[in-house]
Protein backbone atom coordinates (compact mmCIF):
# COMPACT_ATOMS: atom_id res chain seq x y z
CA MET A 1 114.61 110.22 110.05
CA PHE A 2 113.18 111.89 106.84
CA ASN A 3 113.97 109.39 103.63
CA GLY A 4 113.35 111.05 100.11
CA GLY A 5 111.11 114.20 101.44
CA PHE A 6 109.67 111.04 103.36
CA ARG A 7 109.54 111.64 106.93
CA GLU A 8 109.38 108.02 108.69
CA LYS A 9 106.49 107.13 111.31
CA ARG A 10 107.63 103.70 112.34
CA ILE A 11 108.27 102.28 115.52
CA PHE A 12 109.69 99.25 114.91
CA PRO A 13 112.09 97.93 112.46
CA ARG A 14 110.74 95.78 109.02
CA PHE A 15 112.19 92.60 108.11
CA PRO A 16 112.48 91.61 104.52
CA ILE A 17 110.85 88.31 104.28
CA SER A 18 108.84 86.67 102.06
CA ILE A 19 105.64 83.76 103.79
CA GLU A 20 101.99 82.88 101.91
CA ALA A 21 99.45 84.15 102.89
CA THR A 22 95.76 84.19 103.03
CA LEU A 23 93.46 87.17 103.60
CA MET A 24 89.72 86.63 104.67
CA ASP A 25 87.98 90.17 104.31
CA PRO A 26 84.74 89.49 106.49
CA SER A 27 82.45 91.86 104.32
CA LEU A 28 83.01 89.72 101.60
CA CYS A 29 81.20 86.14 102.95
CA GLY A 30 84.66 83.68 103.67
CA GLN A 31 85.99 84.80 100.25
CA THR A 32 89.83 84.01 100.14
CA ILE A 33 93.12 86.53 98.44
CA GLU A 34 95.91 85.05 98.08
CA ALA A 35 98.94 87.47 99.25
CA THR A 36 103.15 87.02 100.17
CA THR A 37 104.18 88.61 102.69
CA ASN A 38 106.74 91.52 101.61
CA ASP A 39 107.69 92.92 104.77
CA ILE A 40 107.28 91.98 108.63
CA SER A 41 107.52 93.36 111.65
CA VAL A 42 106.23 93.79 114.96
CA SER A 43 102.75 95.94 114.15
CA GLY A 44 102.61 95.28 111.14
CA ILE A 45 102.56 93.56 107.44
CA GLY A 46 103.50 94.60 103.65
CA ILE A 47 102.06 91.98 101.80
CA ILE A 48 101.61 91.37 98.13
CA THR A 49 98.30 91.08 96.50
CA GLN A 50 96.55 90.74 93.05
CA GLN A 51 93.70 91.80 94.44
CA GLN A 52 92.91 95.55 95.24
CA LEU A 53 92.30 95.85 98.69
CA THR A 54 90.51 99.86 99.78
CA PRO A 55 92.14 101.46 102.88
CA GLY A 56 90.10 100.63 105.71
CA THR A 57 89.68 96.95 105.17
CA GLU A 58 89.61 94.65 108.31
CA LEU A 59 91.08 91.45 107.50
CA ARG A 60 91.77 87.80 108.36
CA ILE A 61 95.62 87.03 108.14
CA CYS A 62 96.59 82.93 107.92
CA LEU A 63 100.41 83.24 107.36
CA ARG A 64 101.90 80.07 106.60
CA MET A 65 105.32 78.65 107.56
CA ASN A 66 107.19 76.58 104.92
CA ASP A 67 109.68 75.10 107.72
CA ASN A 68 106.74 73.24 109.78
CA GLY A 69 103.32 74.24 107.67
CA GLU A 70 102.63 76.13 110.82
CA GLU A 71 99.74 77.88 110.25
CA ILE A 72 99.67 82.00 112.35
CA TYR A 73 96.27 83.19 112.17
CA LEU A 74 95.75 87.84 112.77
CA LYS A 75 93.96 90.20 112.42
CA GLY A 76 94.63 93.20 110.68
CA ARG A 77 93.32 96.51 109.17
CA ALA A 78 94.72 97.83 105.54
CA VAL A 79 96.40 101.10 105.65
CA TRP A 80 97.88 101.95 102.75
CA ILE A 81 97.67 100.26 99.04
CA THR A 82 99.52 101.21 96.33
CA VAL A 83 99.73 100.04 92.63
CA VAL A 84 102.13 97.77 91.68
CA ASN A 85 101.78 97.16 87.92
CA SER A 86 98.59 95.94 86.50
CA GLN A 87 97.81 92.91 88.29
CA LYS A 88 100.17 93.70 91.29
CA TYR A 89 99.27 96.05 94.99
CA ARG A 90 101.35 96.47 97.79
CA VAL A 91 98.93 96.50 101.25
CA GLY A 92 100.30 98.40 104.41
CA ILE A 93 98.65 96.03 107.32
CA LYS A 94 98.27 96.93 110.48
CA LEU A 95 97.56 94.39 112.55
CA GLU A 96 95.00 94.54 116.06
CA ASP A 97 95.79 92.78 119.44
CA SER A 98 98.91 91.01 118.22
CA ASP A 99 102.16 89.51 120.07
CA LEU A 100 103.98 88.49 117.09
CA LYS A 101 107.61 88.46 117.28
CA PRO A 102 108.81 88.63 113.56
CA ILE A 103 112.77 88.09 114.60
CA PRO A 104 111.76 84.74 115.43
CA LEU A 105 110.08 84.09 111.97
CA VAL A 106 112.59 85.80 109.72
CA LEU A 107 115.21 83.01 111.20
CA ARG A 108 112.84 79.94 111.33
CA PHE A 109 112.96 81.45 107.09
CA LEU A 110 116.31 81.70 106.86
CA ASN A 111 117.27 78.36 108.27
CA SER A 112 114.06 76.06 105.85
CA HIS A 113 115.69 78.43 102.94
CA GLN A 114 119.21 77.19 103.61
CA SER A 115 118.04 73.07 103.74
């Protein structure tokens, strides 16, 4: 599919969802980065953060579910970074060895925001 001259390469659909997340770059000696998901799929996550990352950075990711406080741990690698403004960056993360099922997360997110 072409989208304004850009060929869509994603295999799995992305779902727009905002979940609080903490990122940890193992090379930064345990330093954490606060972020929020922008979208999520089986194989990747789009996040918004105030700290610039470098493509290729390995990350440990902790998603904090709003409905019951559950923490979901994932591993991934930053694939691309886009500047949103002077204090925000959008990062595309490819998940590694993940069995993430985004539809149940989306449903939990929607359910927790309807209450």
